[in-house]
PDBML (XML) file of the C-alpha atoms, coordinates in Angstrom:
<?xml version="1.0" encoding="UTF-8" ?>
<PDBx:datablock datablockName="MODEL"
   xmlns:PDBx="http://pdbml.pdb.org/schema/pdbx-v50.xsd"
   xmlns:xsi="http://www.w3.org/2001/XMLSchema-instance"
   xsi:schemaLocation="http://pdbml.pdb.org/schema/pdbx-v50.xsd pdbx-v50.xsd">
   <PDBx:atom_siteCategory>
      <PDBx:atom_site id="1">
         <PDBx:B_iso_or_equiv>0.00</PDBx:B_iso_or_equiv>
         <PDBx:Cartn_x>-0.962</PDBx:Cartn_x>
         <PDBx:Cartn_y>16.282</PDBx:Cartn_y>
         <PDBx:Cartn_z>-4.612</PDBx:Cartn_z>
         <PDBx:auth_asym_id>A</PDBx:auth_asym_id>
         <PDBx:auth_atom_id>CA</PDBx:auth_atom_id>
         <PDBx:auth_comp_id>PRO</PDBx:auth_comp_id>
         <PDBx:auth_seq_id>1</PDBx:auth_seq_id>
         <PDBx:group_PDB>ATOM</PDBx:group_PDB>
         <PDBx:label_alt_id xsi:nil="true" />
         <PDBx:label_asym_id>A</PDBx:label_asym_id>
         <PDBx:label_atom_id>CA</PDBx:label_atom_id>
         <PDBx:label_comp_id>PRO</PDBx:label_comp_id>
         <PDBx:label_entity_id>1</PDBx:label_entity_id>
         <PDBx:label_seq_id>1</PDBx:label_seq_id>
         <PDBx:occupancy>1.00</PDBx:occupancy>
         <PDBx:pdbx_PDB_model_num>1</PDBx:pdbx_PDB_model_num>
         <PDBx:type_symbol>C</PDBx:type_symbol>
      </PDBx:atom_site>
      <PDBx:atom_site id="2">
         <PDBx:B_iso_or_equiv>0.00</PDBx:B_iso_or_equiv>
         <PDBx:Cartn_x>2.643</PDBx:Cartn_x>
         <PDBx:Cartn_y>15.849</PDBx:Cartn_y>
         <PDBx:Cartn_z>-3.915</PDBx:Cartn_z>
         <PDBx:auth_asym_id>A</PDBx:auth_asym_id>
         <PDBx:auth_atom_id>CA</PDBx:auth_atom_id>
         <PDBx:auth_comp_id>LEU</PDBx:auth_comp_id>
         <PDBx:auth_seq_id>2</PDBx:auth_seq_id>
         <PDBx:group_PDB>ATOM</PDBx:group_PDB>
         <PDBx:label_alt_id xsi:nil="true" />
         <PDBx:label_asym_id>A</PDBx:label_asym_id>
         <PDBx:label_atom_id>CA</PDBx:label_atom_id>
         <PDBx:label_comp_id>LEU</PDBx:label_comp_id>
         <PDBx:label_entity_id>1</PDBx:label_entity_id>
         <PDBx:label_seq_id>2</PDBx:label_seq_id>
         <PDBx:occupancy>1.00</PDBx:occupancy>
         <PDBx:pdbx_PDB_model_num>1</PDBx:pdbx_PDB_model_num>
         <PDBx:type_symbol>C</PDBx:type_symbol>
      </PDBx:atom_site>
      <PDBx:atom_site id="3">
         <PDBx:B_iso_or_equiv>0.00</PDBx:B_iso_or_equiv>
         <PDBx:Cartn_x>2.420</PDBx:Cartn_x>
         <PDBx:Cartn_y>12.424</PDBx:Cartn_y>
         <PDBx:Cartn_z>-2.556</PDBx:Cartn_z>
         <PDBx:auth_asym_id>A</PDBx:auth_asym_id>
         <PDBx:auth_atom_id>CA</PDBx:auth_atom_id>
         <PDBx:auth_comp_id>TRP</PDBx:auth_comp_id>
         <PDBx:auth_seq_id>3</PDBx:auth_seq_id>
         <PDBx:group_PDB>ATOM</PDBx:group_PDB>
         <PDBx:label_alt_id xsi:nil="true" />
         <PDBx:label_asym_id>A</PDBx:label_asym_id>
         <PDBx:label_atom_id>CA</PDBx:label_atom_id>
         <PDBx:label_comp_id>TRP</PDBx:label_comp_id>
         <PDBx:label_entity_id>1</PDBx:label_entity_id>
         <PDBx:label_seq_id>3</PDBx:label_seq_id>
         <PDBx:occupancy>1.00</PDBx:occupancy>
         <PDBx:pdbx_PDB_model_num>1</PDBx:pdbx_PDB_model_num>
         <PDBx:type_symbol>C</PDBx:type_symbol>
      </PDBx:atom_site>
      <PDBx:atom_site id="4">
         <PDBx:B_iso_or_equiv>0.00</PDBx:B_iso_or_equiv>
         <PDBx:Cartn_x>0.571</PDBx:Cartn_x>
         <PDBx:Cartn_y>10.471</PDBx:Cartn_y>
         <PDBx:Cartn_z>-5.010</PDBx:Cartn_z>
         <PDBx:auth_asym_id>A</PDBx:auth_asym_id>
         <PDBx:auth_atom_id>CA</PDBx:auth_atom_id>
         <PDBx:auth_comp_id>PRO</PDBx:auth_comp_id>
         <PDBx:auth_seq_id>4</PDBx:auth_seq_id>
         <PDBx:group_PDB>ATOM</PDBx:group_PDB>
         <PDBx:label_alt_id xsi:nil="true" />
         <PDBx:label_asym_id>A</PDBx:label_asym_id>
         <PDBx:label_atom_id>CA</PDBx:label_atom_id>
         <PDBx:label_comp_id>PRO</PDBx:label_comp_id>
         <PDBx:label_entity_id>1</PDBx:label_entity_id>
         <PDBx:label_seq_id>4</PDBx:label_seq_id>
         <PDBx:occupancy>1.00</PDBx:occupancy>
         <PDBx:pdbx_PDB_model_num>1</PDBx:pdbx_PDB_model_num>
         <PDBx:type_symbol>C</PDBx:type_symbol>
      </PDBx:atom_site>
      <PDBx:atom_site id="5">
         <PDBx:B_iso_or_equiv>0.00</PDBx:B_iso_or_equiv>
         <PDBx:Cartn_x>2.433</PDBx:Cartn_x>
         <PDBx:Cartn_y>12.236</PDBx:Cartn_y>
         <PDBx:Cartn_z>-7.912</PDBx:Cartn_z>
         <PDBx:auth_asym_id>A</PDBx:auth_asym_id>
         <PDBx:auth_atom_id>CA</PDBx:auth_atom_id>
         <PDBx:auth_comp_id>ILE</PDBx:auth_comp_id>
         <PDBx:auth_seq_id>5</PDBx:auth_seq_id>
         <PDBx:group_PDB>ATOM</PDBx:group_PDB>
         <PDBx:label_alt_id xsi:nil="true" />
         <PDBx:label_asym_id>A</PDBx:label_asym_id>
         <PDBx:label_atom_id>CA</PDBx:label_atom_id>
         <PDBx:label_comp_id>ILE</PDBx:label_comp_id>
         <PDBx:label_entity_id>1</PDBx:label_entity_id>
         <PDBx:label_seq_id>5</PDBx:label_seq_id>
         <PDBx:occupancy>1.00</PDBx:occupancy>
         <PDBx:pdbx_PDB_model_num>1</PDBx:pdbx_PDB_model_num>
         <PDBx:type_symbol>C</PDBx:type_symbol>
      </PDBx:atom_site>
      <PDBx:atom_site id="6">
         <PDBx:B_iso_or_equiv>0.00</PDBx:B_iso_or_equiv>
         <PDBx:Cartn_x>5.587</PDBx:Cartn_x>
         <PDBx:Cartn_y>10.988</PDBx:Cartn_y>
         <PDBx:Cartn_z>-5.586</PDBx:Cartn_z>
         <PDBx:auth_asym_id>A</PDBx:auth_asym_id>
         <PDBx:auth_atom_id>CA</PDBx:auth_atom_id>
         <PDBx:auth_comp_id>LEU</PDBx:auth_comp_id>
         <PDBx:auth_seq_id>6</PDBx:auth_seq_id>
         <PDBx:group_PDB>ATOM</PDBx:group_PDB>
         <PDBx:label_alt_id xsi:nil="true" />
         <PDBx:label_asym_id>A</PDBx:label_asym_id>
         <PDBx:label_atom_id>CA</PDBx:label_atom_id>
         <PDBx:label_comp_id>LEU</PDBx:label_comp_id>
         <PDBx:label_entity_id>1</PDBx:label_entity_id>
         <PDBx:label_seq_id>6</PDBx:label_seq_id>
         <PDBx:occupancy>1.00</PDBx:occupancy>
         <PDBx:pdbx_PDB_model_num>1</PDBx:pdbx_PDB_model_num>
         <PDBx:type_symbol>C</PDBx:type_symbol>
      </PDBx:atom_site>
      <PDBx:atom_site id="7">
         <PDBx:B_iso_or_equiv>0.00</PDBx:B_iso_or_equiv>
         <PDBx:Cartn_x>4.345</PDBx:Cartn_x>
         <PDBx:Cartn_y>7.365</PDBx:Cartn_y>
         <PDBx:Cartn_z>-5.417</PDBx:Cartn_z>
         <PDBx:auth_asym_id>A</PDBx:auth_asym_id>
         <PDBx:auth_atom_id>CA</PDBx:auth_atom_id>
         <PDBx:auth_comp_id>VAL</PDBx:auth_comp_id>
         <PDBx:auth_seq_id>7</PDBx:auth_seq_id>
         <PDBx:group_PDB>ATOM</PDBx:group_PDB>
         <PDBx:label_alt_id xsi:nil="true" />
         <PDBx:label_asym_id>A</PDBx:label_asym_id>
         <PDBx:label_atom_id>CA</PDBx:label_atom_id>
         <PDBx:label_comp_id>VAL</PDBx:label_comp_id>
         <PDBx:label_entity_id>1</PDBx:label_entity_id>
         <PDBx:label_seq_id>7</PDBx:label_seq_id>
         <PDBx:occupancy>1.00</PDBx:occupancy>
         <PDBx:pdbx_PDB_model_num>1</PDBx:pdbx_PDB_model_num>
         <PDBx:type_symbol>C</PDBx:type_symbol>
      </PDBx:atom_site>
      <PDBx:atom_site id="8">
         <PDBx:B_iso_or_equiv>0.00</PDBx:B_iso_or_equiv>
         <PDBx:Cartn_x>3.286</PDBx:Cartn_x>
         <PDBx:Cartn_y>7.170</PDBx:Cartn_y>
         <PDBx:Cartn_z>-9.103</PDBx:Cartn_z>
         <PDBx:auth_asym_id>A</PDBx:auth_asym_id>
         <PDBx:auth_atom_id>CA</PDBx:auth_atom_id>
         <PDBx:auth_comp_id>SER</PDBx:auth_comp_id>
         <PDBx:auth_seq_id>8</PDBx:auth_seq_id>
         <PDBx:group_PDB>ATOM</PDBx:group_PDB>
         <PDBx:label_alt_id xsi:nil="true" />
         <PDBx:label_asym_id>A</PDBx:label_asym_id>
         <PDBx:label_atom_id>CA</PDBx:label_atom_id>
         <PDBx:label_comp_id>SER</PDBx:label_comp_id>
         <PDBx:label_entity_id>1</PDBx:label_entity_id>
         <PDBx:label_seq_id>8</PDBx:label_seq_id>
         <PDBx:occupancy>1.00</PDBx:occupancy>
         <PDBx:pdbx_PDB_model_num>1</PDBx:pdbx_PDB_model_num>
         <PDBx:type_symbol>C</PDBx:type_symbol>
      </PDBx:atom_site>
      <PDBx:atom_site id="9">
         <PDBx:B_iso_or_equiv>0.00</PDBx:B_iso_or_equiv>
         <PDBx:Cartn_x>6.886</PDBx:Cartn_x>
         <PDBx:Cartn_y>8.444</PDBx:Cartn_y>
         <PDBx:Cartn_z>-10.241</PDBx:Cartn_z>
         <PDBx:auth_asym_id>A</PDBx:auth_asym_id>
         <PDBx:auth_atom_id>CA</PDBx:auth_atom_id>
         <PDBx:auth_comp_id>LEU</PDBx:auth_comp_id>
         <PDBx:auth_seq_id>9</PDBx:auth_seq_id>
         <PDBx:group_PDB>ATOM</PDBx:group_PDB>
         <PDBx:label_alt_id xsi:nil="true" />
         <PDBx:label_asym_id>A</PDBx:label_asym_id>
         <PDBx:label_atom_id>CA</PDBx:label_atom_id>
         <PDBx:label_comp_id>LEU</PDBx:label_comp_id>
         <PDBx:label_entity_id>1</PDBx:label_entity_id>
         <PDBx:label_seq_id>9</PDBx:label_seq_id>
         <PDBx:occupancy>1.00</PDBx:occupancy>
         <PDBx:pdbx_PDB_model_num>1</PDBx:pdbx_PDB_model_num>
         <PDBx:type_symbol>C</PDBx:type_symbol>
      </PDBx:atom_site>
      <PDBx:atom_site id="10">
         <PDBx:B_iso_or_equiv>0.00</PDBx:B_iso_or_equiv>
         <PDBx:Cartn_x>8.146</PDBx:Cartn_x>
         <PDBx:Cartn_y>5.632</PDBx:Cartn_y>
         <PDBx:Cartn_z>-8.113</PDBx:Cartn_z>
         <PDBx:auth_asym_id>A</PDBx:auth_asym_id>
         <PDBx:auth_atom_id>CA</PDBx:auth_atom_id>
         <PDBx:auth_comp_id>ALA</PDBx:auth_comp_id>
         <PDBx:auth_seq_id>10</PDBx:auth_seq_id>
         <PDBx:group_PDB>ATOM</PDBx:group_PDB>
         <PDBx:label_alt_id xsi:nil="true" />
         <PDBx:label_asym_id>A</PDBx:label_asym_id>
         <PDBx:label_atom_id>CA</PDBx:label_atom_id>
         <PDBx:label_comp_id>ALA</PDBx:label_comp_id>
         <PDBx:label_entity_id>1</PDBx:label_entity_id>
         <PDBx:label_seq_id>10</PDBx:label_seq_id>
         <PDBx:occupancy>1.00</PDBx:occupancy>
         <PDBx:pdbx_PDB_model_num>1</PDBx:pdbx_PDB_model_num>
         <PDBx:type_symbol>C</PDBx:type_symbol>
      </PDBx:atom_site>
      <PDBx:atom_site id="11">
         <PDBx:B_iso_or_equiv>0.00</PDBx:B_iso_or_equiv>
         <PDBx:Cartn_x>6.448</PDBx:Cartn_x>
         <PDBx:Cartn_y>3.430</PDBx:Cartn_y>
         <PDBx:Cartn_z>-10.683</PDBx:Cartn_z>
         <PDBx:auth_asym_id>A</PDBx:auth_asym_id>
         <PDBx:auth_atom_id>CA</PDBx:auth_atom_id>
         <PDBx:auth_comp_id>GLU</PDBx:auth_comp_id>
         <PDBx:auth_seq_id>11</PDBx:auth_seq_id>
         <PDBx:group_PDB>ATOM</PDBx:group_PDB>
         <PDBx:label_alt_id xsi:nil="true" />
         <PDBx:label_asym_id>A</PDBx:label_asym_id>
         <PDBx:label_atom_id>CA</PDBx:label_atom_id>
         <PDBx:label_comp_id>GLU</PDBx:label_comp_id>
         <PDBx:label_entity_id>1</PDBx:label_entity_id>
         <PDBx:label_seq_id>11</PDBx:label_seq_id>
         <PDBx:occupancy>1.00</PDBx:occupancy>
         <PDBx:pdbx_PDB_model_num>1</PDBx:pdbx_PDB_model_num>
         <PDBx:type_symbol>C</PDBx:type_symbol>
      </PDBx:atom_site>
      <PDBx:atom_site id="12">
         <PDBx:B_iso_or_equiv>0.00</PDBx:B_iso_or_equiv>
         <PDBx:Cartn_x>7.898</PDBx:Cartn_x>
         <PDBx:Cartn_y>5.083</PDBx:Cartn_y>
         <PDBx:Cartn_z>-13.666</PDBx:Cartn_z>
         <PDBx:auth_asym_id>A</PDBx:auth_asym_id>
         <PDBx:auth_atom_id>CA</PDBx:auth_atom_id>
         <PDBx:auth_comp_id>VAL</PDBx:auth_comp_id>
         <PDBx:auth_seq_id>12</PDBx:auth_seq_id>
         <PDBx:group_PDB>ATOM</PDBx:group_PDB>
         <PDBx:label_alt_id xsi:nil="true" />
         <PDBx:label_asym_id>A</PDBx:label_asym_id>
         <PDBx:label_atom_id>CA</PDBx:label_atom_id>
         <PDBx:label_comp_id>VAL</PDBx:label_comp_id>
         <PDBx:label_entity_id>1</PDBx:label_entity_id>
         <PDBx:label_seq_id>12</PDBx:label_seq_id>
         <PDBx:occupancy>1.00</PDBx:occupancy>
         <PDBx:pdbx_PDB_model_num>1</PDBx:pdbx_PDB_model_num>
         <PDBx:type_symbol>C</PDBx:type_symbol>
      </PDBx:atom_site>
      <PDBx:atom_site id="13">
         <PDBx:B_iso_or_equiv>0.00</PDBx:B_iso_or_equiv>
         <PDBx:Cartn_x>11.011</PDBx:Cartn_x>
         <PDBx:Cartn_y>4.475</PDBx:Cartn_y>
         <PDBx:Cartn_z>-11.950</PDBx:Cartn_z>
         <PDBx:auth_asym_id>A</PDBx:auth_asym_id>
         <PDBx:auth_atom_id>CA</PDBx:auth_atom_id>
         <PDBx:auth_comp_id>GLU</PDBx:auth_comp_id>
         <PDBx:auth_seq_id>13</PDBx:auth_seq_id>
         <PDBx:group_PDB>ATOM</PDBx:group_PDB>
         <PDBx:label_alt_id xsi:nil="true" />
         <PDBx:label_asym_id>A</PDBx:label_asym_id>
         <PDBx:label_atom_id>CA</PDBx:label_atom_id>
         <PDBx:label_comp_id>GLU</PDBx:label_comp_id>
         <PDBx:label_entity_id>1</PDBx:label_entity_id>
         <PDBx:label_seq_id>13</PDBx:label_seq_id>
         <PDBx:occupancy>1.00</PDBx:occupancy>
         <PDBx:pdbx_PDB_model_num>1</PDBx:pdbx_PDB_model_num>
         <PDBx:type_symbol>C</PDBx:type_symbol>
      </PDBx:atom_site>
      <PDBx:atom_site id="14">
         <PDBx:B_iso_or_equiv>0.00</PDBx:B_iso_or_equiv>
         <PDBx:Cartn_x>10.441</PDBx:Cartn_x>
         <PDBx:Cartn_y>0.702</PDBx:Cartn_y>
         <PDBx:Cartn_z>-11.037</PDBx:Cartn_z>
         <PDBx:auth_asym_id>A</PDBx:auth_asym_id>
         <PDBx:auth_atom_id>CA</PDBx:auth_atom_id>
         <PDBx:auth_comp_id>ALA</PDBx:auth_comp_id>
         <PDBx:auth_seq_id>14</PDBx:auth_seq_id>
         <PDBx:group_PDB>ATOM</PDBx:group_PDB>
         <PDBx:label_alt_id xsi:nil="true" />
         <PDBx:label_asym_id>A</PDBx:label_asym_id>
         <PDBx:label_atom_id>CA</PDBx:label_atom_id>
         <PDBx:label_comp_id>ALA</PDBx:label_comp_id>
         <PDBx:label_entity_id>1</PDBx:label_entity_id>
         <PDBx:label_seq_id>14</PDBx:label_seq_id>
         <PDBx:occupancy>1.00</PDBx:occupancy>
         <PDBx:pdbx_PDB_model_num>1</PDBx:pdbx_PDB_model_num>
         <PDBx:type_symbol>C</PDBx:type_symbol>
      </PDBx:atom_site>
      <PDBx:atom_site id="15">
         <PDBx:B_iso_or_equiv>0.00</PDBx:B_iso_or_equiv>
         <PDBx:Cartn_x>9.093</PDBx:Cartn_x>
         <PDBx:Cartn_y>0.388</PDBx:Cartn_y>
         <PDBx:Cartn_z>-14.715</PDBx:Cartn_z>
         <PDBx:auth_asym_id>A</PDBx:auth_asym_id>
         <PDBx:auth_atom_id>CA</PDBx:auth_atom_id>
         <PDBx:auth_comp_id>ARG</PDBx:auth_comp_id>
         <PDBx:auth_seq_id>15</PDBx:auth_seq_id>
         <PDBx:group_PDB>ATOM</PDBx:group_PDB>
         <PDBx:label_alt_id xsi:nil="true" />
         <PDBx:label_asym_id>A</PDBx:label_asym_id>
         <PDBx:label_atom_id>CA</PDBx:label_atom_id>
         <PDBx:label_comp_id>ARG</PDBx:label_comp_id>
         <PDBx:label_entity_id>1</PDBx:label_entity_id>
         <PDBx:label_seq_id>15</PDBx:label_seq_id>
         <PDBx:occupancy>1.00</PDBx:occupancy>
         <PDBx:pdbx_PDB_model_num>1</PDBx:pdbx_PDB_model_num>
         <PDBx:type_symbol>C</PDBx:type_symbol>
      </PDBx:atom_site>
      <PDBx:atom_site id="16">
         <PDBx:B_iso_or_equiv>0.00</PDBx:B_iso_or_equiv>
         <PDBx:Cartn_x>12.609</PDBx:Cartn_x>
         <PDBx:Cartn_y>1.918</PDBx:Cartn_y>
         <PDBx:Cartn_z>-15.826</PDBx:Cartn_z>
         <PDBx:auth_asym_id>A</PDBx:auth_asym_id>
         <PDBx:auth_atom_id>CA</PDBx:auth_atom_id>
         <PDBx:auth_comp_id>CYS</PDBx:auth_comp_id>
         <PDBx:auth_seq_id>16</PDBx:auth_seq_id>
         <PDBx:group_PDB>ATOM</PDBx:group_PDB>
         <PDBx:label_alt_id xsi:nil="true" />
         <PDBx:label_asym_id>A</PDBx:label_asym_id>
         <PDBx:label_atom_id>CA</PDBx:label_atom_id>
         <PDBx:label_comp_id>CYS</PDBx:label_comp_id>
         <PDBx:label_entity_id>1</PDBx:label_entity_id>
         <PDBx:label_seq_id>16</PDBx:label_seq_id>
         <PDBx:occupancy>1.00</PDBx:occupancy>
         <PDBx:pdbx_PDB_model_num>1</PDBx:pdbx_PDB_model_num>
         <PDBx:type_symbol>C</PDBx:type_symbol>
      </PDBx:atom_site>
      <PDBx:atom_site id="17">
         <PDBx:B_iso_or_equiv>0.00</PDBx:B_iso_or_equiv>
         <PDBx:Cartn_x>14.671</PDBx:Cartn_x>
         <PDBx:Cartn_y>-0.674</PDBx:Cartn_y>
         <PDBx:Cartn_z>-13.553</PDBx:Cartn_z>
         <PDBx:auth_asym_id>A</PDBx:auth_asym_id>
         <PDBx:auth_atom_id>CA</PDBx:auth_atom_id>
         <PDBx:auth_comp_id>GLY</PDBx:auth_comp_id>
         <PDBx:auth_seq_id>17</PDBx:auth_seq_id>
         <PDBx:group_PDB>ATOM</PDBx:group_PDB>
         <PDBx:label_alt_id xsi:nil="true" />
         <PDBx:label_asym_id>A</PDBx:label_asym_id>
         <PDBx:label_atom_id>CA</PDBx:label_atom_id>
         <PDBx:label_comp_id>GLY</PDBx:label_comp_id>
         <PDBx:label_entity_id>1</PDBx:label_entity_id>
         <PDBx:label_seq_id>17</PDBx:label_seq_id>
         <PDBx:occupancy>1.00</PDBx:occupancy>
         <PDBx:pdbx_PDB_model_num>1</PDBx:pdbx_PDB_model_num>
         <PDBx:type_symbol>C</PDBx:type_symbol>
      </PDBx:atom_site>
      <PDBx:atom_site id="18">
         <PDBx:B_iso_or_equiv>0.00</PDBx:B_iso_or_equiv>
         <PDBx:Cartn_x>15.715</PDBx:Cartn_x>
         <PDBx:Cartn_y>2.764</PDBx:Cartn_y>
         <PDBx:Cartn_z>-11.257</PDBx:Cartn_z>
         <PDBx:auth_asym_id>A</PDBx:auth_asym_id>
         <PDBx:auth_atom_id>CA</PDBx:auth_atom_id>
         <PDBx:auth_comp_id>ASN</PDBx:auth_comp_id>
         <PDBx:auth_seq_id>18</PDBx:auth_seq_id>
         <PDBx:group_PDB>ATOM</PDBx:group_PDB>
         <PDBx:label_alt_id xsi:nil="true" />
         <PDBx:label_asym_id>A</PDBx:label_asym_id>
         <PDBx:label_atom_id>CA</PDBx:label_atom_id>
         <PDBx:label_comp_id>ASN</PDBx:label_comp_id>
         <PDBx:label_entity_id>1</PDBx:label_entity_id>
         <PDBx:label_seq_id>18</PDBx:label_seq_id>
         <PDBx:occupancy>1.00</PDBx:occupancy>
         <PDBx:pdbx_PDB_model_num>1</PDBx:pdbx_PDB_model_num>
         <PDBx:type_symbol>C</PDBx:type_symbol>
      </PDBx:atom_site>
      <PDBx:atom_site id="19">
         <PDBx:B_iso_or_equiv>0.00</PDBx:B_iso_or_equiv>
         <PDBx:Cartn_x>14.448</PDBx:Cartn_x>
         <PDBx:Cartn_y>0.502</PDBx:Cartn_y>
         <PDBx:Cartn_z>-8.037</PDBx:Cartn_z>
         <PDBx:auth_asym_id>A</PDBx:auth_asym_id>
         <PDBx:auth_atom_id>CA</PDBx:auth_atom_id>
         <PDBx:auth_comp_id>HIS</PDBx:auth_comp_id>
         <PDBx:auth_seq_id>19</PDBx:auth_seq_id>
         <PDBx:group_PDB>ATOM</PDBx:group_PDB>
         <PDBx:label_alt_id xsi:nil="true" />
         <PDBx:label_asym_id>A</PDBx:label_asym_id>
         <PDBx:label_atom_id>CA</PDBx:label_atom_id>
         <PDBx:label_comp_id>HIS</PDBx:label_comp_id>
         <PDBx:label_entity_id>1</PDBx:label_entity_id>
         <PDBx:label_seq_id>19</PDBx:label_seq_id>
         <PDBx:occupancy>1.00</PDBx:occupancy>
         <PDBx:pdbx_PDB_model_num>1</PDBx:pdbx_PDB_model_num>
         <PDBx:type_symbol>C</PDBx:type_symbol>
      </PDBx:atom_site>
      <PDBx:atom_site id="20">
         <PDBx:B_iso_or_equiv>0.00</PDBx:B_iso_or_equiv>
         <PDBx:Cartn_x>16.503</PDBx:Cartn_x>
         <PDBx:Cartn_y>2.786</PDBx:Cartn_y>
         <PDBx:Cartn_z>-5.983</PDBx:Cartn_z>
         <PDBx:auth_asym_id>A</PDBx:auth_asym_id>
         <PDBx:auth_atom_id>CA</PDBx:auth_atom_id>
         <PDBx:auth_comp_id>VAL</PDBx:auth_comp_id>
         <PDBx:auth_seq_id>20</PDBx:auth_seq_id>
         <PDBx:group_PDB>ATOM</PDBx:group_PDB>
         <PDBx:label_alt_id xsi:nil="true" />
         <PDBx:label_asym_id>A</PDBx:label_asym_id>
         <PDBx:label_atom_id>CA</PDBx:label_atom_id>
         <PDBx:label_comp_id>VAL</PDBx:label_comp_id>
         <PDBx:label_entity_id>1</PDBx:label_entity_id>
         <PDBx:label_seq_id>20</PDBx:label_seq_id>
         <PDBx:occupancy>1.00</PDBx:occupancy>
         <PDBx:pdbx_PDB_model_num>1</PDBx:pdbx_PDB_model_num>
         <PDBx:type_symbol>C</PDBx:type_symbol>
      </PDBx:atom_site>
      <PDBx:atom_site id="21">
         <PDBx:B_iso_or_equiv>0.00</PDBx:B_iso_or_equiv>
         <PDBx:Cartn_x>15.017</PDBx:Cartn_x>
         <PDBx:Cartn_y>6.112</PDBx:Cartn_y>
         <PDBx:Cartn_z>-6.867</PDBx:Cartn_z>
         <PDBx:auth_asym_id>A</PDBx:auth_asym_id>
         <PDBx:auth_atom_id>CA</PDBx:auth_atom_id>
         <PDBx:auth_comp_id>ALA</PDBx:auth_comp_id>
         <PDBx:auth_seq_id>21</PDBx:auth_seq_id>
         <PDBx:group_PDB>ATOM</PDBx:group_PDB>
         <PDBx:label_alt_id xsi:nil="true" />
         <PDBx:label_asym_id>A</PDBx:label_asym_id>
         <PDBx:label_atom_id>CA</PDBx:label_atom_id>
         <PDBx:label_comp_id>ALA</PDBx:label_comp_id>
         <PDBx:label_entity_id>1</PDBx:label_entity_id>
         <PDBx:label_seq_id>21</PDBx:label_seq_id>
         <PDBx:occupancy>1.00</PDBx:occupancy>
         <PDBx:pdbx_PDB_model_num>1</PDBx:pdbx_PDB_model_num>
         <PDBx:type_symbol>C</PDBx:type_symbol>
      </PDBx:atom_site>
      <PDBx:atom_site id="22">
         <PDBx:B_iso_or_equiv>0.00</PDBx:B_iso_or_equiv>
         <PDBx:Cartn_x>11.768</PDBx:Cartn_x>
         <PDBx:Cartn_y>4.144</PDBx:Cartn_y>
         <PDBx:Cartn_z>-6.990</PDBx:Cartn_z>
         <PDBx:auth_asym_id>A</PDBx:auth_asym_id>
         <PDBx:auth_atom_id>CA</PDBx:auth_atom_id>
         <PDBx:auth_comp_id>ALA</PDBx:auth_comp_id>
         <PDBx:auth_seq_id>22</PDBx:auth_seq_id>
         <PDBx:group_PDB>ATOM</PDBx:group_PDB>
         <PDBx:label_alt_id xsi:nil="true" />
         <PDBx:label_asym_id>A</PDBx:label_asym_id>
         <PDBx:label_atom_id>CA</PDBx:label_atom_id>
         <PDBx:label_comp_id>ALA</PDBx:label_comp_id>
         <PDBx:label_entity_id>1</PDBx:label_entity_id>
         <PDBx:label_seq_id>22</PDBx:label_seq_id>
         <PDBx:occupancy>1.00</PDBx:occupancy>
         <PDBx:pdbx_PDB_model_num>1</PDBx:pdbx_PDB_model_num>
         <PDBx:type_symbol>C</PDBx:type_symbol>
      </PDBx:atom_site>
      <PDBx:atom_site id="23">
         <PDBx:B_iso_or_equiv>0.00</PDBx:B_iso_or_equiv>
         <PDBx:Cartn_x>11.747</PDBx:Cartn_x>
         <PDBx:Cartn_y>3.165</PDBx:Cartn_y>
         <PDBx:Cartn_z>-3.333</PDBx:Cartn_z>
         <PDBx:auth_asym_id>A</PDBx:auth_asym_id>
         <PDBx:auth_atom_id>CA</PDBx:auth_atom_id>
         <PDBx:auth_comp_id>GLN</PDBx:auth_comp_id>
         <PDBx:auth_seq_id>23</PDBx:auth_seq_id>
         <PDBx:group_PDB>ATOM</PDBx:group_PDB>
         <PDBx:label_alt_id xsi:nil="true" />
         <PDBx:label_asym_id>A</PDBx:label_asym_id>
         <PDBx:label_atom_id>CA</PDBx:label_atom_id>
         <PDBx:label_comp_id>GLN</PDBx:label_comp_id>
         <PDBx:label_entity_id>1</PDBx:label_entity_id>
         <PDBx:label_seq_id>23</PDBx:label_seq_id>
         <PDBx:occupancy>1.00</PDBx:occupancy>
         <PDBx:pdbx_PDB_model_num>1</PDBx:pdbx_PDB_model_num>
         <PDBx:type_symbol>C</PDBx:type_symbol>
      </PDBx:atom_site>
      <PDBx:atom_site id="24">
         <PDBx:B_iso_or_equiv>0.00</PDBx:B_iso_or_equiv>
         <PDBx:Cartn_x>13.273</PDBx:Cartn_x>
         <PDBx:Cartn_y>6.879</PDBx:Cartn_y>
         <PDBx:Cartn_z>-2.155</PDBx:Cartn_z>
         <PDBx:auth_asym_id>A</PDBx:auth_asym_id>
         <PDBx:auth_atom_id>CA</PDBx:auth_atom_id>
         <PDBx:auth_comp_id>SER</PDBx:auth_comp_id>
         <PDBx:auth_seq_id>24</PDBx:auth_seq_id>
         <PDBx:group_PDB>ATOM</PDBx:group_PDB>
         <PDBx:label_alt_id xsi:nil="true" />
         <PDBx:label_asym_id>A</PDBx:label_asym_id>
         <PDBx:label_atom_id>CA</PDBx:label_atom_id>
         <PDBx:label_comp_id>SER</PDBx:label_comp_id>
         <PDBx:label_entity_id>1</PDBx:label_entity_id>
         <PDBx:label_seq_id>24</PDBx:label_seq_id>
         <PDBx:occupancy>1.00</PDBx:occupancy>
         <PDBx:pdbx_PDB_model_num>1</PDBx:pdbx_PDB_model_num>
         <PDBx:type_symbol>C</PDBx:type_symbol>
      </PDBx:atom_site>
      <PDBx:atom_site id="25">
         <PDBx:B_iso_or_equiv>0.00</PDBx:B_iso_or_equiv>
         <PDBx:Cartn_x>10.465</PDBx:Cartn_x>
         <PDBx:Cartn_y>8.220</PDBx:Cartn_y>
         <PDBx:Cartn_z>-4.468</PDBx:Cartn_z>
         <PDBx:auth_asym_id>A</PDBx:auth_asym_id>
         <PDBx:auth_atom_id>CA</PDBx:auth_atom_id>
         <PDBx:auth_comp_id>LEU</PDBx:auth_comp_id>
         <PDBx:auth_seq_id>25</PDBx:auth_seq_id>
         <PDBx:group_PDB>ATOM</PDBx:group_PDB>
         <PDBx:label_alt_id xsi:nil="true" />
         <PDBx:label_asym_id>A</PDBx:label_asym_id>
         <PDBx:label_atom_id>CA</PDBx:label_atom_id>
         <PDBx:label_comp_id>LEU</PDBx:label_comp_id>
         <PDBx:label_entity_id>1</PDBx:label_entity_id>
         <PDBx:label_seq_id>25</PDBx:label_seq_id>
         <PDBx:occupancy>1.00</PDBx:occupancy>
         <PDBx:pdbx_PDB_model_num>1</PDBx:pdbx_PDB_model_num>
         <PDBx:type_symbol>C</PDBx:type_symbol>
      </PDBx:atom_site>
   </PDBx:atom_siteCategory>
</PDBx:datablock>
């Protein structure tokens, strides 16, 4: 379950403009 959570968190970060954090996730 962790990897889809990380992918969704990456989408959250991308929507917030945090593209480096999104890529890391």
